Amino acid sequence: MKSINTSISFDKSEIKSISDAFLAMLEKKGLKIDQNPWDEAIKYISGYQNTNNNYAIQIGICDNNYCPGTFTLDKISKKSKFLEKPIDFNEWIIGAICDEIEVIKKKYPDFYNPSIVRETIAKVIKVLEINFIDNTPLKNHIYYQEYSDIVRRFILLFLIKNPDQELDVYPHLTRERREFIFEVVEYLEKKNLDVGDWVRISISAGLLGIDEKPVHAATSAIDTRMAIVLPSSNSYDKSDIERVARDLLKGAYSECRIDAVEKMLQVIGTNPNIELQMVSFPDDYLETIVLLKAYEKIMDQYPNLTIFCVPRSKMCGNDATYNDILEFLEKMPNLKSNRRFFPIQNGPIIGGVNLIKLDEKILDLIKESDFLDVRGARNYEMMQGIKKEAFFGFMVCREISESVVGLSAHDLPFVYVHQSPGEKSFEGFTERHNRIENGKMMAFKTVKDINNS
């Protein structure tokens, strides 16, 4: 692939080809088309879901210093010392695009046309160099935590003219293991676990099947040694269910931990006469099944709590979507019938939660809420500084997560961190090459630093 022409200059035919693709998409989606459709198309493909890109700042959800991630794609360079493996940007992006195309090809071979793949790769690279906000290239405005989904949306635009095409590229991490996880949950229900146990198990469920997850999907190298391994097929038995249940409990009560679960339950239970609203941002598909069971237990114990659950509105890798939540609820009649639990339809269309890009109704929901429960490391990294009390839960298994938390994935770290409005529980990621601990780069300030202070 190194022979691909990735020069930034465009000839007239290339401009027309990309512009025609943008126009066709805008017309099909019924979106605004003005004299210059490029910005509208780029915003849509990049995951913007609002017409006022400053809305989150205007209503006080974040401030002008909000950074939805650790670094933007333009920082990828052989000169960037904070990268685990410094690499030339063009070399990196060609690899990232090819990785994504390879995933698509495996599950959807009909989308793969060798005669246009090279052209597609070149177009995606060139689009990232198009001037966007403040007359700077688009790559300057894409954070590393969200690049894989945005790259995939551009690929789908140029391959099949539809960036919104949903691809179930990891069925083994979604629908093919759904019934198995429900059986694990049923097994755990016989253990007389309390509410705190269920919250902790719902966090350790983030380790389910991570050994099957490619690096570019997690946007960081994954330590798979602590993975909760799923059965390789639907032919599983009771021993598989018991093993996974044990692994979930092991992760939930790992000795290496930052644990604010009791603090969260205290927030809900301190004054049972005060009605509270929580906004939840779930993460992975299988993990979310366990999370919903935890919510069922929480709502049974705390009748003053209302939960608004905001999953992805479109399929992004193995993340849970709105439609997935509805399917899960069919097997959870108590939660489905609970008038204080609301699945929300217009959640993010890309992985991660970028406050600047969220639908205005979701931002209003955050504004009116009392606190947030957010799952997944990428969501955590992208929501630093949010001006709302928040709890973030994930298991440390990624190289980036190790740097921001300050703990080694080998120790099976359990993280449920509490943040006050406007707080950042890690800072200085791009300075991490100046702080080496046990052979690993650590952010200037980590979650561990704050919790030990």
Protein backbone atom coordinates (compact mmCIF):
# COMPACT_ATOMS: atom_id res chain seq x y z
CA MET A 1 0.00 0.00 0.00
CA LYS A 2 2.99 2.34 0.26
CA SER A 3 2.69 3.16 -3.44
CA ILE A 4 -0.62 4.95 -2.88
CA ASN A 5 -0.49 8.61 -3.86
CA THR A 6 -1.31 10.49 -0.67
CA SER A 7 -0.21 13.98 -1.71
CA ILE A 8 -2.46 16.70 -0.32
CA SER A 9 -3.03 18.46 -3.64
CA PHE A 10 -6.28 17.65 -5.45
CA ASP A 11 -6.82 17.56 -9.16
CA LYS A 12 -10.20 18.59 -10.59
CA SER A 13 -11.46 15.04 -11.05
CA GLU A 14 -10.65 14.15 -7.43
CA ILE A 15 -12.41 17.27 -6.14
CA LYS A 16 -15.48 16.47 -8.23
CA SER A 17 -15.53 12.82 -7.16
CA ILE A 18 -15.38 13.65 -3.44
CA SER A 19 -17.78 16.57 -3.80
CA ASP A 20 -20.29 14.41 -5.69
CA ALA A 21 -20.13 11.81 -2.91
CA PHE A 22 -20.75 14.51 -0.30
CA LEU A 23 -23.68 15.99 -2.24
CA ALA A 24 -25.30 12.62 -2.86
CA MET A 25 -25.10 11.79 0.84
CA LEU A 26 -26.52 15.15 1.93
CA GLU A 27 -29.44 14.83 -0.47
CA LYS A 28 -30.17 11.25 0.60
CA LYS A 29 -30.16 12.26 4.27
CA GLY A 30 -32.27 15.34 3.65
CA LEU A 31 -29.60 17.53 5.20
CA LYS A 32 -28.91 21.19 4.52
CA ILE A 33 -27.10 21.90 1.27
CA ASP A 34 -25.66 25.39 0.88
CA GLN A 35 -23.18 26.87 -1.57
CA ASN A 36 -20.35 24.96 0.09
CA PRO A 37 -21.57 21.53 1.23
CA TRP A 38 -18.16 20.30 2.35
CA ASP A 39 -18.42 21.42 5.99
CA GLU A 40 -21.95 20.04 6.35
CA ALA A 41 -20.93 16.68 4.93
CA ILE A 42 -17.73 16.48 6.98
CA LYS A 43 -19.60 17.31 10.19
CA TYR A 44 -22.21 14.65 9.54
CA ILE A 45 -19.71 11.93 8.69
CA SER A 46 -17.56 12.93 11.68
CA GLY A 47 -20.45 12.33 14.06
CA TYR A 48 -21.89 15.78 14.72
CA GLN A 49 -25.56 15.50 15.70
CA ASN A 50 -26.41 19.13 16.36
CA THR A 51 -26.74 22.37 14.43
CA ASN A 52 -25.08 24.47 17.12
CA ASN A 53 -21.61 23.09 17.77
CA ASN A 54 -21.17 25.40 20.78
CA TYR A 55 -24.34 24.24 22.52
CA ALA A 56 -22.57 22.14 25.18
CA ILE A 57 -20.47 25.18 26.12
CA GLN A 58 -23.42 27.58 26.03
CA ILE A 59 -25.50 25.54 28.47
CA GLY A 60 -22.54 24.97 30.77
CA ILE A 61 -21.87 21.26 30.19
CA CYS A 62 -18.23 22.03 29.41
CA ASP A 63 -16.02 25.06 28.81
CA ASN A 64 -13.84 26.33 25.98
CA ASN A 65 -10.93 24.22 27.26
CA TYR A 66 -12.82 20.94 26.80
CA CYS A 67 -10.72 18.31 24.98
CA PRO A 68 -12.68 15.19 23.99
CA GLY A 69 -9.74 12.82 24.12
CA THR A 70 -6.03 12.58 24.78
CA PHE A 71 -4.68 13.92 21.46
CA THR A 72 -5.74 14.70 17.91
CA LEU A 73 -4.62 12.80 14.82
CA ASP A 74 -2.31 15.59 13.63
CA LYS A 75 -0.08 14.82 16.63
CA ILE A 76 0.81 11.42 15.16
CA SER A 77 4.36 11.80 13.95
CA LYS A 78 7.78 10.21 14.25
CA LYS A 79 8.64 13.25 16.37
CA SER A 80 5.84 12.66 18.91
CA LYS A 81 7.66 11.28 21.93
CA PHE A 82 4.48 10.49 23.88
CA LEU A 83 3.38 7.84 21.37
CA GLU A 84 4.19 4.28 22.35
CA LYS A 85 5.67 3.74 18.88
CA PRO A 86 6.25 7.05 17.05
CA ILE A 87 5.25 6.67 13.40
CA ASP A 88 4.87 8.81 10.30
CA PHE A 89 1.27 10.00 9.95
CA ASN A 90 0.75 8.75 6.39
CA GLU A 91 2.16 5.35 7.29
CA TRP A 92 -0.12 5.17 10.32
CA ILE A 93 -3.31 6.28 8.58
CA ILE A 94 -2.78 3.90 5.64
CA GLY A 95 -2.45 1.07 8.15
CA ALA A 96 -5.55 2.21 10.06
CA ILE A 97 -7.66 2.42 6.89
CA CYS A 98 -6.42 -0.95 5.63
CA ASP A 99 -7.17 -2.53 9.03
CA GLU A 100 -10.73 -1.22 8.89
CA ILE A 101 -11.23 -2.35 5.30
CA GLU A 102 -9.93 -5.80 6.21
CA VAL A 103 -12.51 -6.09 9.02
CA ILE A 104 -15.27 -5.04 6.62
CA LYS A 105 -14.03 -7.44 3.96
CA LYS A 106 -14.16 -10.46 6.27
CA LYS A 107 -17.83 -10.06 7.13
CA TYR A 108 -19.10 -8.19 4.08
CA PRO A 109 -17.11 -9.39 1.05
CA ASP A 110 -19.67 -7.88 -1.34
CA PHE A 111 -18.57 -4.40 -0.22
CA TYR A 112 -15.01 -5.14 -1.22
CA ASN A 113 -14.10 -4.13 -4.75
CA PRO A 114 -10.33 -4.30 -5.28
CA SER A 115 -10.51 -1.87 -8.19
CA ILE A 116 -11.77 0.98 -5.97
CA VAL A 117 -10.08 0.18 -2.65
CA ARG A 118 -6.88 2.07 -3.51
CA GLU A 119 -8.93 5.03 -4.64
CA THR A 120 -10.93 4.91 -1.41
CA ILE A 121 -7.79 4.87 0.75
CA ALA A 122 -6.38 7.88 -1.07
CA LYS A 123 -9.67 9.78 -0.76
CA VAL A 124 -9.95 9.18 2.98
CA ILE A 125 -6.38 10.39 3.51
CA LYS A 126 -6.99 13.49 1.44
CA VAL A 127 -10.28 14.29 3.17
CA LEU A 128 -8.40 14.34 6.49
CA GLU A 129 -6.26 17.15 5.04
CA ILE A 130 -9.26 19.27 3.95
CA ASN A 131 -9.51 22.55 5.85
CA PHE A 132 -12.35 22.39 8.34
CA ILE A 133 -12.86 24.54 11.45
CA ASP A 134 -10.55 27.58 11.74
CA ASN A 135 -9.06 26.70 8.32
CA THR A 136 -7.10 23.82 9.80
CA PRO A 137 -7.16 20.24 8.48
CA LEU A 138 -9.92 17.87 9.58
CA LYS A 139 -7.34 15.57 11.21
CA ASN A 140 -6.63 18.39 13.70
CA HIS A 141 -10.22 18.01 14.98
CA ILE A 142 -10.47 14.22 15.28
CA TYR A 143 -9.42 12.83 18.64
CA TYR A 144 -7.63 9.51 18.76
CA GLN A 145 -10.42 7.89 20.80
CA GLU A 146 -12.92 8.41 17.95
CA TYR A 147 -10.82 7.95 14.83
CA SER A 148 -11.75 4.33 14.03
CA ASP A 149 -15.47 5.05 13.66
CA ILE A 150 -14.93 8.24 11.68
CA VAL A 151 -12.49 6.52 9.34
CA ARG A 152 -14.99 3.70 8.84
CA ARG A 153 -17.77 6.21 8.00
CA PHE A 154 -15.60 7.84 5.32
CA ILE A 155 -14.67 4.42 3.93
CA LEU A 156 -18.35 3.48 3.67
CA LEU A 157 -19.16 6.78 1.99
CA PHE A 158 -16.62 6.15 -0.76
CA LEU A 159 -17.20 2.40 -1.03
CA ILE A 160 -21.01 2.21 -0.96
CA LYS A 161 -22.10 5.87 -0.70
CA ASN A 162 -23.62 5.35 2.75
CA PRO A 163 -21.64 6.29 5.89
CA ASP A 164 -24.56 5.15 8.07
CA GLN A 165 -24.45 1.53 6.92
CA GLU A 166 -24.43 -0.55 10.10
CA LEU A 167 -21.94 -3.42 10.10
CA ASP A 168 -22.04 -6.26 12.59
CA VAL A 169 -18.35 -7.01 12.20
CA TYR A 170 -17.92 -8.59 15.65
CA PRO A 171 -20.93 -10.95 15.96
CA HIS A 172 -18.97 -13.14 18.37
CA LEU A 173 -18.82 -10.16 20.74
CA THR A 174 -22.49 -9.30 20.25
CA ARG A 175 -25.53 -11.37 19.25
CA GLU A 176 -23.75 -14.75 19.04
CA ARG A 177 -22.90 -14.62 22.76
CA ARG A 178 -26.01 -12.79 23.99
CA GLU A 179 -27.85 -15.84 25.30
CA PHE A 180 -24.71 -17.11 26.99
CA ILE A 181 -24.32 -13.87 28.98
CA PHE A 182 -27.98 -13.96 29.99
CA GLU A 183 -27.34 -17.45 31.37
CA VAL A 184 -24.31 -16.16 33.28
CA VAL A 185 -26.47 -13.38 34.76
CA GLU A 186 -29.13 -15.93 35.71
CA TYR A 187 -26.45 -18.03 37.42
CA LEU A 188 -25.16 -15.01 39.36
CA GLU A 189 -28.67 -14.13 40.51
CA LYS A 190 -28.63 -17.29 42.61
CA LYS A 191 -25.62 -15.98 44.58
CA ASN A 192 -27.59 -13.54 46.77
CA LEU A 193 -25.46 -10.61 45.62
CA ASP A 194 -26.20 -7.12 46.88
CA VAL A 195 -26.56 -3.95 44.81
CA GLY A 196 -22.91 -3.00 45.18
CA ASP A 197 -21.86 -6.46 43.98
CA TRP A 198 -23.93 -6.03 40.81
CA VAL A 199 -22.49 -2.59 40.08
CA ARG A 200 -18.97 -3.98 40.45
CA ILE A 201 -19.72 -7.02 38.29
CA SER A 202 -21.15 -4.76 35.60
CA ILE A 203 -17.77 -3.02 35.48
CA SER A 204 -15.69 -6.20 35.40
CA ALA A 205 -17.91 -7.29 32.48
CA GLY A 206 -15.83 -4.89 30.39
CA LEU A 207 -13.27 -7.70 30.18
CA LEU A 208 -15.66 -10.04 28.34
CA GLY A 209 -14.04 -11.15 25.09
CA ILE A 210 -11.34 -8.46 24.99
CA ASP A 211 -8.92 -11.11 23.72
CA GLU A 212 -10.95 -11.10 20.49
CA LYS A 213 -10.89 -7.33 20.03
CA PRO A 214 -8.48 -5.83 17.46
CA VAL A 215 -6.19 -2.99 18.50
CA HIS A 216 -7.68 -0.43 16.12
CA ALA A 217 -11.19 -1.06 17.51
CA ALA A 218 -9.99 -0.17 21.02
CA THR A 219 -7.72 2.61 19.64
CA SER A 220 -4.94 1.30 21.88
CA ALA A 221 -2.88 -1.83 22.47
CA ILE A 222 -4.82 -4.33 24.62
CA ASP A 223 -3.35 -6.53 27.35
CA THR A 224 -5.39 -9.70 26.83
CA ARG A 225 -3.92 -11.70 29.72
CA MET A 226 -6.77 -10.74 32.03
CA ALA A 227 -9.52 -11.26 29.42
CA ILE A 228 -12.68 -13.11 30.36
CA VAL A 229 -12.61 -15.65 27.56
CA LEU A 230 -15.94 -16.46 25.93
CA PRO A 231 -16.94 -19.89 24.58
CA SER A 232 -15.73 -20.29 21.01
CA SER A 233 -19.17 -21.41 19.83
CA ASN A 234 -22.74 -21.82 21.01
CA SER A 235 -21.81 -25.29 22.21
CA TYR A 236 -21.11 -24.43 25.82
CA ASP A 237 -22.03 -26.12 29.08
CA LYS A 238 -22.53 -25.29 32.75
CA SER A 239 -18.78 -25.24 33.39
CA ASP A 240 -18.38 -22.37 30.90
CA ILE A 241 -21.11 -20.41 32.67
CA GLU A 242 -19.55 -21.03 36.07
CA ARG A 243 -16.07 -20.09 34.83
CA VAL A 244 -17.18 -16.76 33.36
CA ALA A 245 -19.22 -15.99 36.49
CA ARG A 246 -16.12 -16.63 38.63
CA ASP A 247 -14.03 -14.41 36.37
CA LEU A 248 -16.58 -11.60 36.65
CA LEU A 249 -16.46 -11.81 40.44
CA LYS A 250 -12.65 -11.97 40.36
CA GLY A 251 -12.48 -8.75 38.35
CA ALA A 252 -15.13 -7.07 40.48
CA TYR A 253 -13.10 -7.70 43.62
CA SER A 254 -9.58 -7.37 42.29
CA GLU A 255 -7.09 -6.24 44.93
CA CYS A 256 -5.94 -3.52 42.53
CA ARG A 257 -8.79 -1.03 42.57
CA ILE A 258 -10.10 2.52 42.67
CA ASP A 259 -13.63 1.99 43.93
CA ALA A 260 -16.28 4.71 44.31
CA VAL A 261 -19.27 2.34 44.16
CA GLU A 262 -20.31 3.04 47.76
CA LYS A 263 -20.01 6.77 47.07
CA MET A 264 -22.39 6.42 44.10
CA LEU A 265 -24.92 4.46 46.17
CA GLN A 266 -24.58 7.08 48.91
CA VAL A 267 -25.43 9.83 46.41
CA ILE A 268 -28.67 8.00 45.58
CA GLY A 269 -29.60 6.84 49.07
CA THR A 270 -28.65 9.73 51.36
CA ASN A 271 -32.08 11.33 51.08
CA PRO A 272 -34.65 8.85 49.74
CA ASN A 273 -37.32 11.57 49.63
CA ILE A 274 -35.46 13.52 46.94
CA GLU A 275 -36.05 12.36 43.38
CA LEU A 276 -32.83 11.97 41.39
CA GLN A 277 -32.13 11.67 37.69
CA MET A 278 -29.13 9.77 36.38
CA VAL A 279 -27.93 9.72 32.76
CA SER A 280 -26.14 6.53 31.79
CA PHE A 281 -23.73 6.08 28.90
CA PRO A 282 -23.20 2.31 28.43
CA ASP A 283 -20.42 0.78 26.37
CA ASP A 284 -19.92 -2.75 25.02
CA TYR A 285 -22.81 -4.98 23.99
CA LEU A 286 -22.21 -7.93 26.36
CA GLU A 287 -21.13 -5.66 29.21
CA THR A 288 -24.39 -3.71 28.86
CA ILE A 289 -26.49 -6.82 29.53
CA VAL A 290 -24.85 -7.06 32.94
CA LEU A 291 -25.15 -3.29 33.45
CA LEU A 292 -28.92 -3.40 32.87
CA LYS A 293 -29.24 -6.13 35.48
CA ALA A 294 -27.32 -3.88 37.88
CA TYR A 295 -29.72 -1.02 37.10
CA GLU A 296 -32.68 -3.31 37.76
CA LYS A 297 -31.24 -4.05 41.21
CA ILE A 298 -30.47 -0.38 41.92
CA MET A 299 -33.97 0.77 40.96
CA ASP A 300 -35.58 -1.93 43.10
CA GLN A 301 -33.67 -0.65 46.12
CA TYR A 302 -33.89 3.09 45.38
CA PRO A 303 -37.40 4.13 44.20
CA ASN A 304 -36.31 7.77 44.09
CA LEU A 305 -34.01 7.19 41.09
CA THR A 306 -34.87 7.69 37.41
CA ILE A 307 -32.39 6.47 34.80
CA PHE A 308 -32.02 7.75 31.25
CA CYS A 309 -29.90 5.23 29.34
CA VAL A 310 -28.09 6.68 26.30
CA PRO A 311 -26.47 3.95 24.16
CA ARG A 312 -25.10 4.45 20.64
CA SER A 313 -27.85 5.16 18.14
CA LYS A 314 -25.89 3.33 15.42
CA MET A 315 -23.75 0.22 15.49
CA CYS A 316 -20.12 1.03 16.29
CA GLY A 317 -17.94 -2.06 16.55
CA ASN A 318 -19.23 -4.10 19.50
CA ASP A 319 -20.91 -1.22 21.36
CA ALA A 320 -24.53 -1.60 22.47
CA THR A 321 -27.13 0.36 20.48
CA TYR A 322 -30.61 1.64 21.27
CA ASN A 323 -32.15 -1.31 19.42
CA ASP A 324 -29.93 -3.70 21.39
CA ILE A 325 -31.22 -2.22 24.65
CA LEU A 326 -34.81 -2.81 23.54
CA GLU A 327 -33.97 -6.44 22.75
CA PHE A 328 -32.27 -6.91 26.12
CA LEU A 329 -35.31 -5.51 27.92
CA GLU A 330 -37.49 -8.23 26.43
CA LYS A 331 -35.60 -10.63 28.69
CA MET A 332 -35.74 -8.23 31.65
CA PRO A 333 -39.48 -7.64 32.17
CA ASN A 334 -39.04 -5.92 35.54
CA LEU A 335 -36.77 -3.27 34.05
CA LYS A 336 -38.82 -2.98 30.87
CA SER A 337 -41.98 -2.23 32.84
CA ASN A 338 -40.24 0.19 35.21
CA ARG A 339 -41.61 3.67 34.52
CA ARG A 340 -38.41 5.23 35.84
CA PHE A 341 -36.12 3.64 33.25
CA PHE A 342 -35.91 5.29 29.82
CA PRO A 343 -33.78 4.09 26.88
CA ILE A 344 -32.91 7.15 24.78
CA GLN A 345 -32.88 6.84 21.01
CA ASN A 346 -30.65 9.65 19.73
CA GLY A 347 -27.33 8.73 21.35
CA PRO A 348 -23.89 9.06 19.70
CA ILE A 349 -23.44 7.76 16.16
CA ILE A 350 -19.72 7.14 16.70
CA GLY A 351 -17.82 5.36 19.48
CA GLY A 352 -16.97 7.45 22.51
CA VAL A 353 -18.88 10.44 23.88
CA ASN A 354 -17.76 13.73 22.37
CA LEU A 355 -19.81 16.43 24.12
CA ILE A 356 -19.36 18.89 21.27
CA LYS A 357 -20.98 16.46 18.83
CA LEU A 358 -23.91 15.21 20.93
CA ASP A 359 -27.53 15.78 20.00
CA GLU A 360 -28.84 18.90 21.74
CA LYS A 361 -31.60 16.88 23.45
CA ILE A 362 -28.99 14.61 25.01
CA LEU A 363 -27.06 17.64 26.22
CA ASP A 364 -30.26 19.04 27.74
CA LEU A 365 -30.77 15.69 29.47
CA ILE A 366 -27.26 15.89 30.94
CA LYS A 367 -27.90 19.46 32.04
CA GLU A 368 -31.07 18.48 33.91
CA SER A 369 -29.60 15.34 35.49
CA ASP A 370 -28.21 15.02 38.99
CA PHE A 371 -25.27 12.79 38.04
CA LEU A 372 -23.87 10.51 35.34
CA ASP A 373 -22.86 6.85 35.24
CA VAL A 374 -20.44 6.34 32.35
CA ARG A 375 -18.90 3.06 31.24
CA GLY A 376 -15.88 2.35 29.06
CA ALA A 377 -12.34 3.73 29.02
CA ARG A 378 -12.78 5.72 25.81
CA ASN A 379 -15.91 7.41 27.17
CA TYR A 380 -13.97 8.28 30.32
CA GLU A 381 -11.07 9.75 28.38
CA MET A 382 -13.42 11.85 26.22
CA MET A 383 -15.56 13.34 29.01
CA GLN A 384 -12.90 14.88 31.23
CA GLY A 385 -13.93 18.22 32.68
CA ILE A 386 -17.67 17.71 32.19
CA LYS A 387 -19.50 20.08 34.53
CA LYS A 388 -21.69 17.45 36.10
CA GLU A 389 -21.06 15.03 38.95
CA ALA A 390 -20.01 11.79 37.26
CA PHE A 391 -18.90 8.23 37.95
CA PHE A 392 -16.76 6.42 35.37
CA GLY A 393 -16.36 2.64 35.37
CA PHE A 394 -13.97 0.43 33.40
CA MET A 395 -11.33 -2.26 33.77
CA VAL A 396 -7.80 -1.19 32.83
CA CYS A 397 -6.73 -3.35 29.89
CA ARG A 398 -5.49 -0.78 27.30
CA GLU A 399 -2.11 0.89 27.04
CA ILE A 400 -3.69 4.38 27.08
CA SER A 401 -5.81 3.43 30.11
CA GLU A 402 -2.68 2.41 32.01
CA SER A 403 -1.18 5.85 31.39
CA VAL A 404 -4.20 7.85 32.52
CA VAL A 405 -5.06 5.68 35.53
CA GLY A 406 -1.50 4.96 36.69
CA LEU A 407 -2.03 1.21 37.14
CA SER A 408 -0.75 -1.82 35.21
CA ALA A 409 -3.24 -3.95 33.29
CA HIS A 410 -1.38 -7.04 34.51
CA ASP A 411 -2.74 -6.37 38.03
CA LEU A 412 -6.37 -6.49 36.83
CA PRO A 413 -7.23 -2.93 37.92
CA PHE A 414 -10.87 -2.24 38.75
CA VAL A 415 -11.75 1.44 38.27
CA TYR A 416 -14.91 3.26 39.33
CA VAL A 417 -13.83 6.85 39.71
CA HIS A 418 -15.87 9.75 41.06
CA GLN A 419 -15.49 13.20 39.51
CA SER A 420 -16.93 16.44 40.82
CA PRO A 421 -18.36 18.92 38.26
CA GLY A 422 -15.58 20.37 36.12
CA GLU A 423 -12.92 18.06 37.56
CA LYS A 424 -10.32 16.22 35.47
CA SER A 425 -9.01 13.06 37.08
CA PHE A 426 -6.04 12.83 34.73
CA GLU A 427 -4.02 15.48 32.89
CA GLY A 428 -0.88 15.82 30.82
CA PHE A 429 -1.15 12.75 28.60
CA THR A 430 1.09 14.24 25.90
CA GLU A 431 3.78 14.80 28.55
CA ARG A 432 3.82 11.16 29.60
CA HIS A 433 7.20 10.43 28.02
CA ASN A 434 8.68 12.50 30.85
CA ARG A 435 7.31 10.12 33.48
CA ILE A 436 8.31 6.47 33.23
CA GLU A 437 7.16 4.00 35.90
CA ASN A 438 7.90 0.27 35.67
CA GLY A 439 8.87 0.75 32.05
CA LYS A 440 5.56 2.45 31.12
CA MET A 441 4.74 6.06 30.33
CA MET A 442 2.35 7.74 32.76
CA ALA A 443 0.38 10.96 32.36
CA PHE A 444 1.61 13.98 34.30
CA LYS A 445 -1.35 13.47 36.67
CA THR A 446 -3.15 10.11 36.90
CA VAL A 447 -6.29 8.84 38.62
CA LYS A 448 -4.07 7.00 41.07
CA ASP A 449 -2.26 10.24 41.98
CA ILE A 450 -5.52 11.98 42.83
CA ASN A 451 -6.95 9.07 44.78
CA ASN A 452 -3.73 8.72 46.82
CA SER A 453 -3.44 12.44 47.58
